[in-house]
Amino acid sequence: MKYITGLLLLAFLLGGCDQKSDVGTTEKKAYPPVHLKMASSYPSSLGLLGAGGKRVEKQIKLISNGNVTIRFFEPGALVPNLEIFDAVSYGALDAGWSAPGLWSGKVPSLQLFSAVPFGPNAPEYLAWFYEGGGREIFDEIYARHNIHSLICGLSPPEASGWFREEIKGLDDLKGMKIRFYGLGARVLSKLGVSTQLLATGDIFPALELGTIDATEFSIPSIDLQMGFSQLAKHYYFPGWHQQATFFELMINLDKWNSMSPTQQAQIESVCADNIKYTLARGEAEQADALEELKRQGVQFHKWPDDIMQALDSAWQDVVREETAKDPDFKRAWDSLSAFRAKYKIWKELGNLD
């Protein structure tokens, strides 16, 4: 009897071991390793913008022990820059490294998840996105285009632009041709400026050849690398149009849904860490960049109050127009505005002037 009981117990244990083994095998078959090709809007050599994408490539391999890999491709290597959104949406591309504001021509509301004129600084922007309802709206908008996007980088305040001559009043801006980004371009157009969005590699030659009269691009350390100081010596602040800028890792939604929860969490964790890295590095390196630009003869200017007031007034006009014609823009703007109104109490009490 004891012998039979022992055999039954052994059979039960062996059966349990086999069952666990089957579960492991099923898990492995259901969730194979993930290998993504990622087209970048920014070259890997371009300071924080490109370095942020390259860092994602490195860190996801480390954190997943090679189970998830993301291969960074330079701009234009897979598709033209401004076609990355559609390529990821249709599944022709696995992923893209970019900024939501670049897709304003397709989805205007995404501009509010990139940079907001006269908008929040980095902590407030993050607070709204992750804890104030922003992410839910963001996810819903992208899901309609078969994309899952993760905020994966964050830039500190940008500069406001490079000009060959000092701007002494609003009349000096009227009729100028300026490369400008996102919603800020809409604001300038209200003041009689002709704006256009150029790809990174096209900006310097356009400024050199006179196709554009002035340009904005990024933070001082990146603008220094772009060489704008060779062509213009008047550098304007503050970056009223981009007090903080989100960068994104877009992934085809079908591809994202095919991943295991662990694989998804690993990518999310890398992006969260990348936000810390890009913001910290961005803040840390600007003083040295400004010193070098000053050494090169660049003059720093702050916009006078009358121009700032005109820009703010024009921005309010843009908001009214966009919220009237785009329900998603209105929903995101109402969410952000409500959060900022509530946050203002804490901001005024908790922060030094």
Protein backbone atom coordinates (compact mmCIF):
# COMPACT_ATOMS: atom_id res chain seq x y z
CA MET A 1 0.00 0.00 0.00
CA LYS A 2 2.82 2.38 0.95
CA TYR A 3 4.54 1.45 -2.31
CA ILE A 4 1.43 2.31 -4.38
CA THR A 5 0.93 5.59 -2.48
CA GLY A 6 4.55 6.49 -3.15
CA LEU A 7 4.14 5.83 -6.88
CA LEU A 8 1.01 7.97 -6.96
CA LEU A 9 2.83 10.83 -5.18
CA LEU A 10 5.77 10.55 -7.58
CA ALA A 11 3.43 10.60 -10.58
CA PHE A 12 1.68 13.67 -9.18
CA LEU A 13 4.97 15.53 -8.68
CA LEU A 14 6.24 14.61 -12.12
CA GLY A 15 2.95 15.67 -13.66
CA GLY A 16 3.22 19.00 -11.82
CA CYS A 17 6.74 19.51 -13.14
CA ASP A 18 5.60 18.73 -16.66
CA GLN A 19 2.72 21.17 -16.29
CA LYS A 20 5.07 23.98 -15.25
CA SER A 21 7.34 23.18 -18.13
CA ASP A 22 4.42 23.41 -20.55
CA VAL A 23 3.41 26.79 -19.16
CA GLY A 24 6.94 28.07 -19.66
CA THR A 25 7.01 26.74 -23.21
CA THR A 26 3.64 28.30 -23.99
CA GLU A 27 4.79 31.65 -22.58
CA LYS A 28 7.91 31.54 -24.71
CA LYS A 29 5.96 30.72 -27.87
CA ALA A 30 3.37 33.43 -27.21
CA TYR A 31 5.92 36.14 -26.55
CA PRO A 32 9.04 35.75 -28.68
CA PRO A 33 11.90 38.25 -28.52
CA VAL A 34 11.05 41.69 -29.89
CA HIS A 35 13.22 43.37 -32.50
CA LEU A 36 12.13 46.83 -33.69
CA LYS A 37 13.46 49.02 -36.47
CA MET A 38 13.20 52.66 -35.41
CA ALA A 39 13.41 55.55 -37.89
CA SER A 40 14.65 58.76 -36.29
CA SER A 41 13.69 62.33 -37.12
CA TYR A 42 17.03 63.48 -35.70
CA PRO A 43 20.58 62.36 -36.55
CA SER A 44 22.40 60.46 -33.83
CA SER A 45 25.16 63.09 -33.92
CA LEU A 46 22.77 65.88 -32.97
CA GLY A 47 23.24 66.46 -29.26
CA LEU A 48 20.37 65.70 -26.97
CA LEU A 49 17.82 65.11 -29.72
CA GLY A 50 19.70 62.34 -31.47
CA ALA A 51 21.51 61.10 -28.37
CA GLY A 52 18.18 60.50 -26.66
CA GLY A 53 17.14 58.05 -29.38
CA LYS A 54 20.51 56.29 -29.45
CA ARG A 55 20.37 55.88 -25.69
CA VAL A 56 17.03 54.09 -25.98
CA GLU A 57 18.67 51.65 -28.39
CA LYS A 58 21.42 50.92 -25.86
CA GLN A 59 19.38 50.84 -22.67
CA ILE A 60 16.56 48.56 -23.84
CA LYS A 61 19.08 45.90 -24.82
CA LEU A 62 20.68 46.10 -21.39
CA ILE A 63 17.51 46.10 -19.33
CA SER A 64 15.91 43.24 -21.28
CA ASN A 65 19.11 41.21 -21.61
CA GLY A 66 18.63 41.27 -25.37
CA ASN A 67 15.02 40.09 -25.31
CA VAL A 68 13.93 43.47 -26.68
CA THR A 69 16.07 45.35 -29.19
CA ILE A 70 15.40 48.66 -30.93
CA ARG A 71 17.66 49.52 -33.85
CA PHE A 72 18.15 53.23 -34.46
CA PHE A 73 18.15 54.34 -38.11
CA GLU A 74 19.38 57.75 -39.18
CA PRO A 75 16.93 60.24 -40.77
CA GLY A 76 15.95 59.23 -44.28
CA ALA A 77 17.55 55.79 -44.07
CA LEU A 78 14.19 54.00 -44.06
CA VAL A 79 11.62 56.66 -45.00
CA PRO A 80 11.63 60.46 -45.39
CA ASN A 81 11.36 62.27 -42.06
CA LEU A 82 7.84 63.55 -42.41
CA GLU A 83 6.56 60.12 -43.48
CA ILE A 84 7.53 58.33 -40.27
CA PHE A 85 4.07 58.75 -38.75
CA ASP A 86 2.27 57.08 -41.66
CA ALA A 87 4.88 54.33 -41.94
CA VAL A 88 4.46 53.39 -38.28
CA SER A 89 0.68 53.66 -38.53
CA TYR A 90 0.49 51.28 -41.49
CA GLY A 91 3.05 48.87 -40.05
CA ALA A 92 5.67 49.51 -42.73
CA LEU A 93 7.88 50.65 -39.84
CA ASP A 94 7.99 49.17 -36.35
CA ALA A 95 8.84 52.40 -34.57
CA GLY A 96 9.83 56.05 -34.85
CA TRP A 97 11.85 58.47 -32.72
CA SER A 98 10.38 61.93 -33.06
CA ALA A 99 8.27 64.69 -31.47
CA PRO A 100 4.46 64.75 -31.58
CA GLY A 101 4.40 68.32 -32.90
CA LEU A 102 5.90 67.20 -36.20
CA TRP A 103 2.57 65.60 -37.10
CA SER A 104 0.55 68.82 -36.85
CA GLY A 105 -0.51 68.56 -40.50
CA LYS A 106 -2.12 65.17 -39.81
CA VAL A 107 -3.27 65.45 -36.20
CA PRO A 108 -3.32 69.07 -34.96
CA SER A 109 -4.13 68.10 -31.36
CA LEU A 110 -0.80 66.30 -30.96
CA GLN A 111 0.91 69.68 -30.88
CA LEU A 112 -0.31 70.12 -27.31
CA PHE A 113 1.68 67.02 -26.37
CA SER A 114 4.89 68.41 -27.81
CA ALA A 115 5.29 72.03 -26.71
CA VAL A 116 2.76 74.67 -25.69
CA PRO A 117 3.31 78.41 -26.25
CA PHE A 118 3.37 80.21 -22.90
CA GLY A 119 2.88 76.74 -21.49
CA PRO A 120 4.08 74.71 -18.54
CA ASN A 121 7.66 74.07 -17.56
CA ALA A 122 8.95 70.51 -17.36
CA PRO A 123 7.63 69.49 -13.90
CA GLU A 124 4.18 70.91 -14.55
CA TYR A 125 4.01 69.39 -18.04
CA LEU A 126 4.92 65.95 -16.68
CA ALA A 127 2.43 66.32 -13.84
CA TRP A 128 -0.41 67.03 -16.25
CA PHE A 129 0.57 64.29 -18.66
CA TYR A 130 0.98 61.47 -16.14
CA GLU A 131 -1.36 62.51 -13.31
CA GLY A 132 -3.71 65.12 -14.75
CA GLY A 133 -5.40 63.23 -17.59
CA GLY A 134 -3.08 64.09 -20.45
CA ARG A 135 -1.83 60.59 -21.12
CA GLU A 136 -5.30 59.12 -21.50
CA ILE A 137 -6.17 61.64 -24.22
CA PHE A 138 -2.78 61.14 -25.88
CA ASP A 139 -3.22 57.35 -25.96
CA GLU A 140 -6.73 57.58 -27.40
CA ILE A 141 -5.68 59.92 -30.19
CA TYR A 142 -2.74 57.76 -31.22
CA ALA A 143 -4.72 54.52 -31.00
CA ARG A 144 -7.03 55.78 -33.76
CA HIS A 145 -3.97 55.83 -36.00
CA ASN A 146 -2.81 52.36 -34.94
CA ILE A 147 0.11 53.77 -32.98
CA HIS A 148 1.16 53.44 -29.35
CA SER A 149 3.40 56.36 -28.43
CA LEU A 150 5.48 56.80 -25.30
CA ILE A 151 6.90 60.10 -24.09
CA CYS A 152 10.57 59.19 -24.07
CA GLY A 153 12.51 62.42 -23.71
CA LEU A 154 12.12 65.95 -22.39
CA SER A 155 13.96 69.09 -23.39
CA PRO A 156 14.34 72.17 -21.15
CA PRO A 157 13.31 75.66 -22.38
CA GLU A 158 14.41 76.42 -25.90
CA ALA A 159 15.80 79.62 -27.33
CA SER A 160 13.48 81.81 -29.36
CA GLY A 161 15.45 82.29 -32.56
CA TRP A 162 18.46 83.47 -34.54
CA PHE A 163 18.35 86.77 -36.43
CA ARG A 164 20.92 88.55 -38.55
CA GLU A 165 19.77 91.97 -37.31
CA GLU A 166 18.43 93.10 -33.96
CA ILE A 167 14.64 93.09 -33.71
CA LYS A 168 13.56 96.42 -32.25
CA GLY A 169 9.81 96.15 -32.70
CA LEU A 170 6.92 94.20 -34.20
CA ASP A 171 7.35 95.94 -37.54
CA ASP A 172 10.78 94.32 -37.89
CA LEU A 173 9.15 90.88 -37.75
CA LYS A 174 6.47 91.52 -40.35
CA GLY A 175 7.23 89.94 -43.69
CA MET A 176 10.16 87.89 -42.40
CA LYS A 177 10.55 84.26 -43.46
CA ILE A 178 11.35 82.18 -40.39
CA ARG A 179 11.77 78.48 -39.81
CA PHE A 180 9.60 77.80 -36.76
CA TYR A 181 8.14 74.78 -34.99
CA GLY A 182 4.70 73.74 -33.90
CA LEU A 183 2.05 76.01 -32.52
CA GLY A 184 4.57 78.81 -32.21
CA ALA A 185 4.60 79.06 -35.99
CA ARG A 186 0.84 79.68 -35.97
CA VAL A 187 1.36 82.46 -33.45
CA LEU A 188 4.02 84.21 -35.54
CA SER A 189 1.86 84.00 -38.65
CA LYS A 190 -0.70 86.13 -36.81
CA LEU A 191 1.96 88.84 -36.57
CA GLY A 192 2.68 88.85 -40.29
CA VAL A 193 5.58 86.39 -40.27
CA SER A 194 5.90 83.76 -43.00
CA THR A 195 6.78 80.50 -41.26
CA GLN A 196 7.80 77.08 -42.49
CA LEU A 197 8.86 73.83 -40.87
CA LEU A 198 12.11 72.49 -42.31
CA ALA A 199 13.78 69.16 -41.60
CA THR A 200 16.89 69.36 -39.44
CA GLY A 201 19.41 69.04 -42.26
CA ASP A 202 17.69 71.68 -44.40
CA ILE A 203 17.77 74.55 -41.91
CA PHE A 204 21.41 75.70 -42.13
CA PRO A 205 21.56 75.78 -45.95
CA ALA A 206 18.21 77.60 -46.10
CA LEU A 207 19.53 80.26 -43.72
CA GLU A 208 22.84 80.45 -45.57
CA LEU A 209 21.20 80.86 -48.97
CA GLY A 210 18.63 83.37 -47.73
CA THR A 211 15.66 81.09 -48.35
CA ILE A 212 14.73 81.99 -44.78
CA ASP A 213 15.64 85.17 -42.89
CA ALA A 214 15.82 83.64 -39.41
CA THR A 215 15.32 80.38 -37.57
CA GLU A 216 14.61 78.80 -34.24
CA PHE A 217 15.53 75.21 -33.54
CA SER A 218 16.41 74.04 -30.06
CA ILE A 219 18.34 74.64 -26.85
CA PRO A 220 21.66 76.58 -26.97
CA SER A 221 23.91 73.49 -26.88
CA ILE A 222 22.21 72.04 -29.96
CA ASP A 223 21.94 75.38 -31.75
CA LEU A 224 25.69 75.75 -31.18
CA GLN A 225 26.26 72.38 -32.80
CA MET A 226 24.05 73.35 -35.73
CA GLY A 227 26.39 76.28 -36.47
CA PHE A 228 23.75 79.01 -36.64
CA SER A 229 26.18 81.45 -34.98
CA GLN A 230 28.17 81.46 -38.22
CA LEU A 231 25.25 83.08 -40.03
CA ALA A 232 23.44 85.14 -37.39
CA LYS A 233 24.65 86.89 -34.25
CA HIS A 234 21.42 87.95 -32.53
CA TYR A 235 20.02 85.19 -30.32
CA TYR A 236 16.64 85.72 -28.66
CA PHE A 237 15.12 84.47 -25.40
CA PRO A 238 12.96 83.25 -23.77
CA GLY A 239 11.58 80.39 -25.83
CA TRP A 240 7.98 81.45 -25.28
CA HIS A 241 6.87 78.76 -27.71
CA GLN A 242 8.66 75.84 -26.02
CA GLN A 243 9.21 76.05 -22.29
CA ALA A 244 9.40 72.26 -22.29
CA THR A 245 9.35 69.83 -25.21
CA PHE A 246 8.28 66.19 -25.22
CA PHE A 247 9.95 63.65 -27.50
CA GLU A 248 8.40 60.32 -28.30
CA LEU A 249 8.95 56.71 -29.16
CA MET A 250 6.14 55.69 -31.52
CA ILE A 251 5.45 51.97 -31.93
CA ASN A 252 2.99 50.35 -34.30
CA LEU A 253 -0.01 49.42 -32.14
CA ASP A 254 -0.29 45.86 -33.46
CA LYS A 255 3.38 45.37 -32.70
CA TRP A 256 2.94 46.80 -29.22
CA ASN A 257 -0.06 44.58 -28.47
CA SER A 258 1.89 41.49 -29.53
CA MET A 259 4.43 42.05 -26.75
CA SER A 260 4.28 40.54 -23.29
CA PRO A 261 3.48 42.80 -20.32
CA THR A 262 7.10 42.44 -19.25
CA GLN A 263 8.43 43.54 -22.62
CA GLN A 264 6.09 46.53 -22.62
CA ALA A 265 7.13 47.44 -19.08
CA GLN A 266 10.79 47.25 -20.05
CA ILE A 267 10.27 49.74 -22.88
CA GLU A 268 8.23 52.02 -20.62
CA SER A 269 10.95 51.90 -17.96
CA VAL A 270 13.65 52.82 -20.47
CA CYS A 271 11.59 55.79 -21.65
CA ALA A 272 10.97 56.96 -18.08
CA ASP A 273 14.71 56.83 -17.41
CA ASN A 274 15.36 58.63 -20.69
CA ILE A 275 13.15 61.51 -19.59
CA LYS A 276 15.35 61.93 -16.53
CA TYR A 277 18.51 61.72 -18.63
CA THR A 278 17.47 64.18 -21.33
CA LEU A 279 16.14 66.77 -18.90
CA ALA A 280 19.15 66.58 -16.57
CA ARG A 281 21.68 66.68 -19.39
CA GLY A 282 19.78 69.43 -21.16
CA GLU A 283 19.79 71.66 -18.09
CA ALA A 284 23.41 70.90 -17.21
CA GLU A 285 25.08 71.73 -20.52
CA GLN A 286 23.49 75.08 -21.42
CA ALA A 287 25.79 77.35 -19.39
CA ASP A 288 28.88 76.09 -21.22
CA ALA A 289 27.11 76.44 -24.56
CA LEU A 290 26.15 80.04 -23.83
CA GLU A 291 29.71 80.87 -22.83
CA GLU A 292 30.99 79.49 -26.13
CA LEU A 293 28.38 81.36 -28.14
CA LYS A 294 29.31 84.58 -26.36
CA ARG A 295 32.96 83.93 -27.20
CA GLN A 296 31.92 83.67 -30.86
CA GLY A 297 30.40 87.12 -30.74
CA VAL A 298 26.76 86.19 -30.34
CA GLN A 299 24.57 88.82 -28.67
CA PHE A 300 21.84 87.59 -26.34
CA HIS A 301 18.52 89.43 -26.27
CA LYS A 302 15.31 89.09 -24.30
CA TRP A 303 12.08 89.97 -26.05
CA PRO A 304 10.68 93.30 -24.85
CA ASP A 305 7.36 93.33 -23.01
CA ASP A 306 5.36 94.72 -25.94
CA ILE A 307 6.43 91.89 -28.24
CA MET A 308 5.79 89.27 -25.57
CA GLN A 309 2.30 90.69 -25.02
CA ALA A 310 1.61 90.64 -28.76
CA LEU A 311 2.77 87.03 -28.97
CA ASP A 312 0.57 86.04 -26.03
CA SER A 313 -2.44 87.79 -27.55
CA ALA A 314 -1.84 86.04 -30.89
CA TRP A 315 -1.57 82.72 -29.05
CA GLN A 316 -5.01 83.22 -27.52
CA ASP A 317 -6.38 83.76 -31.04
CA VAL A 318 -4.77 80.50 -32.19
CA VAL A 319 -6.29 78.64 -29.24
CA ARG A 320 -9.77 79.94 -30.04
CA GLU A 321 -9.44 78.89 -33.67
CA GLU A 322 -8.07 75.42 -32.95
CA THR A 323 -10.53 74.56 -30.19
CA ALA A 324 -13.44 75.67 -32.40
CA LYS A 325 -12.53 73.35 -35.28
CA ASP A 326 -10.88 70.34 -33.60
CA PRO A 327 -12.67 68.43 -30.78
CA ASP A 328 -9.47 66.61 -29.79
CA PHE A 329 -7.55 69.86 -29.55
CA LYS A 330 -10.35 71.32 -27.40
CA ARG A 331 -10.43 68.28 -25.15
CA ALA A 332 -6.66 68.34 -24.60
CA TRP A 333 -6.58 72.12 -24.16
CA ASP A 334 -9.46 72.09 -21.66
CA SER A 335 -7.72 69.32 -19.71
CA LEU A 336 -4.40 71.16 -19.63
CA SER A 337 -6.01 74.49 -18.78
CA ALA A 338 -8.02 73.03 -15.90
CA PHE A 339 -4.94 71.32 -14.52
CA ARG A 340 -2.85 74.50 -14.77
CA ALA A 341 -5.51 76.59 -13.05
CA LYS A 342 -5.58 74.17 -10.13
CA TYR A 343 -1.79 73.73 -10.10
CA LYS A 344 -1.24 77.50 -10.01
CA ILE A 345 -1.99 77.64 -6.27
CA TRP A 346 0.77 75.17 -5.50
CA LYS A 347 3.14 76.75 -8.02
CA GLU A 348 2.82 80.19 -6.45
CA LEU A 349 3.10 78.98 -2.87
CA GLY A 350 5.75 76.31 -3.32
CA ASN A 351 8.19 77.95 -5.73
CA LEU A 352 10.53 80.89 -5.42
CA ASP A 353 9.90 83.75 -7.83
